[in-house]
């Protein structure tokens, strides 16, 4: 068993904590970059706009004033 400068016992497992933290941060960073890429593709291809148009049919038709006001208030 190795003792640190502060007198606490450091076993074999305490040395791997930095590696595990680095791996977790790297995984989170790569997941964030991939998510941003998916959002960018959705915006570029118009998929997000199509989904927004599909989810608000009352506001676009203009024939139902109650539905239009509900959509307006919900947005």
C-alpha atoms as a PDB file:
ATOM      1  CA  UNK A   1       0.000   0.000   0.000  1.00  0.00           C
ATOM      2  CA  UNK A   2       1.361   3.425  -0.949  1.00  0.00           C
ATOM      3  CA  UNK A   3       0.901   6.381   1.376  1.00  0.00           C
ATOM      4  CA  UNK A   4       0.393   9.856  -0.049  1.00  0.00           C
ATOM      5  CA  UNK A   5       1.921  13.111   1.158  1.00  0.00           C
ATOM      6  CA  UNK A   6      -1.064  13.707   3.441  1.00  0.00           C
ATOM      7  CA  UNK A   7      -0.689  10.319   5.111  1.00  0.00           C
ATOM      8  CA  UNK A   8      -3.718   8.694   3.495  1.00  0.00           C
ATOM      9  CA  UNK A   9      -3.443   5.260   2.026  1.00  0.00           C
ATOM     10  CA  UNK A  10      -3.648   5.154  -1.746  1.00  0.00           C
ATOM     11  CA  UNK A  11      -4.323   1.812  -3.274  1.00  0.00           C
ATOM     12  CA  UNK A  12      -4.100   0.632  -6.821  1.00  0.00           C
ATOM     13  CA  UNK A  13      -7.623   1.815  -7.647  1.00  0.00           C
ATOM     14  CA  UNK A  14      -7.124   5.469  -6.761  1.00  0.00           C
ATOM     15  CA  UNK A  15      -4.658   5.928  -9.606  1.00  0.00           C
ATOM     16  CA  UNK A  16      -7.280   5.024 -12.203  1.00  0.00           C
ATOM     17  CA  UNK A  17      -9.675   7.783 -11.154  1.00  0.00           C
ATOM     18  CA  UNK A  18      -8.060  10.385 -13.433  1.00  0.00           C
ATOM     19  CA  UNK A  19      -8.285   8.042 -16.404  1.00  0.00           C
ATOM     20  CA  UNK A  20     -11.950   7.333 -15.722  1.00  0.00           C
ATOM     21  CA  UNK A  21     -12.740  11.045 -15.369  1.00  0.00           C
ATOM     22  CA  UNK A  22     -10.919  11.780 -18.621  1.00  0.00           C
ATOM     23  CA  UNK A  23     -12.877   9.034 -20.404  1.00  0.00           C
ATOM     24  CA  UNK A  24     -16.214  10.336 -19.087  1.00  0.00           C
ATOM     25  CA  UNK A  25     -15.462  13.920 -20.114  1.00  0.00           C
ATOM     26  CA  UNK A  26     -14.290  12.767 -23.535  1.00  0.00           C
ATOM     27  CA  UNK A  27     -17.466  10.717 -24.006  1.00  0.00           C
ATOM     28  CA  UNK A  28     -19.646  13.696 -23.008  1.00  0.00           C
ATOM     29  CA  UNK A  29     -17.754  15.996 -25.376  1.00  0.00           C
ATOM     30  CA  UNK A  30     -18.093  13.608 -28.322  1.00  0.00           C
ATOM     31  CA  UNK A  31     -21.810  13.141 -27.574  1.00  0.00           C
ATOM     32  CA  UNK A  32     -22.271  16.931 -27.543  1.00  0.00           C
ATOM     33  CA  UNK A  33     -20.491  17.340 -30.867  1.00  0.00           C
ATOM     34  CA  UNK A  34     -22.584  14.554 -32.424  1.00  0.00           C
ATOM     35  CA  UNK A  35     -25.806  16.129 -31.109  1.00  0.00           C
ATOM     36  CA  UNK A  36     -24.865  19.490 -32.588  1.00  0.00           C
ATOM     37  CA  UNK A  37     -24.139  17.770 -35.893  1.00  0.00           C
ATOM     38  CA  UNK A  38     -27.568  16.118 -35.914  1.00  0.00           C
ATOM     39  CA  UNK A  39     -29.276  19.429 -35.153  1.00  0.00           C
ATOM     40  CA  UNK A  40     -27.283  21.140 -37.911  1.00  0.00           C
ATOM     41  CA  UNK A  41     -28.318  18.482 -40.428  1.00  0.00           C
ATOM     42  CA  UNK A  42     -31.952  18.852 -39.360  1.00  0.00           C
ATOM     43  CA  UNK A  43     -31.829  22.604 -39.891  1.00  0.00           C
ATOM     44  CA  UNK A  44     -29.971  22.315 -43.190  1.00  0.00           C
ATOM     45  CA  UNK A  45     -32.316  19.687 -44.620  1.00  0.00           C
ATOM     46  CA  UNK A  46     -35.419  21.529 -43.438  1.00  0.00           C
ATOM     47  CA  UNK A  47     -36.592  18.657 -41.236  1.00  0.00           C
ATOM     48  CA  UNK A  48     -37.020  20.891 -38.193  1.00  0.00           C
ATOM     49  CA  UNK A  49     -39.030  23.400 -40.188  1.00  0.00           C
ATOM     50  CA  UNK A  50     -41.252  20.645 -41.588  1.00  0.00           C
ATOM     51  CA  UNK A  51     -41.855  19.322 -38.083  1.00  0.00           C
ATOM     52  CA  UNK A  52     -42.801  22.791 -36.827  1.00  0.00           C
ATOM     53  CA  UNK A  53     -45.204  23.266 -39.736  1.00  0.00           C
ATOM     54  CA  UNK A  54     -46.726  19.842 -39.147  1.00  0.00           C
ATOM     55  CA  UNK A  55     -47.234  20.499 -35.430  1.00  0.00           C
ATOM     56  CA  UNK A  56     -49.141  23.787 -35.933  1.00  0.00           C
ATOM     57  CA  UNK A  57     -51.881  23.053 -38.482  1.00  0.00           C
ATOM     58  CA  UNK A  58     -54.396  25.490 -36.977  1.00  0.00           C
ATOM     59  CA  UNK A  59     -52.150  28.513 -37.336  1.00  0.00           C
ATOM     60  CA  UNK A  60     -51.417  27.769 -40.966  1.00  0.00           C
ATOM     61  CA  UNK A  61     -54.927  26.998 -42.171  1.00  0.00           C
ATOM     62  CA  UNK A  62     -56.489  30.151 -40.756  1.00  0.00           C
ATOM     63  CA  UNK A  63     -59.968  28.602 -40.856  1.00  0.00           C
ATOM     64  CA  UNK A  64     -60.243  27.878 -37.144  1.00  0.00           C
ATOM     65  CA  UNK A  65     -59.818  31.049 -35.045  1.00  0.00           C
ATOM     66  CA  UNK A  66     -60.012  29.135 -31.757  1.00  0.00           C
ATOM     67  CA  UNK A  67     -57.337  26.678 -32.867  1.00  0.00           C
ATOM     68  CA  UNK A  68     -55.203  29.517 -34.180  1.00  0.00           C
ATOM     69  CA  UNK A  69     -55.401  31.353 -30.868  1.00  0.00           C
ATOM     70  CA  UNK A  70     -54.517  28.157 -28.983  1.00  0.00           C
ATOM     71  CA  UNK A  71     -51.465  27.623 -31.195  1.00  0.00           C
ATOM     72  CA  UNK A  72     -50.441  31.245 -30.767  1.00  0.00           C
ATOM     73  CA  UNK A  73     -50.720  31.048 -26.974  1.00  0.00           C
ATOM     74  CA  UNK A  74     -48.878  27.742 -26.783  1.00  0.00           C
ATOM     75  CA  UNK A  75     -45.932  29.040 -28.793  1.00  0.00           C
END
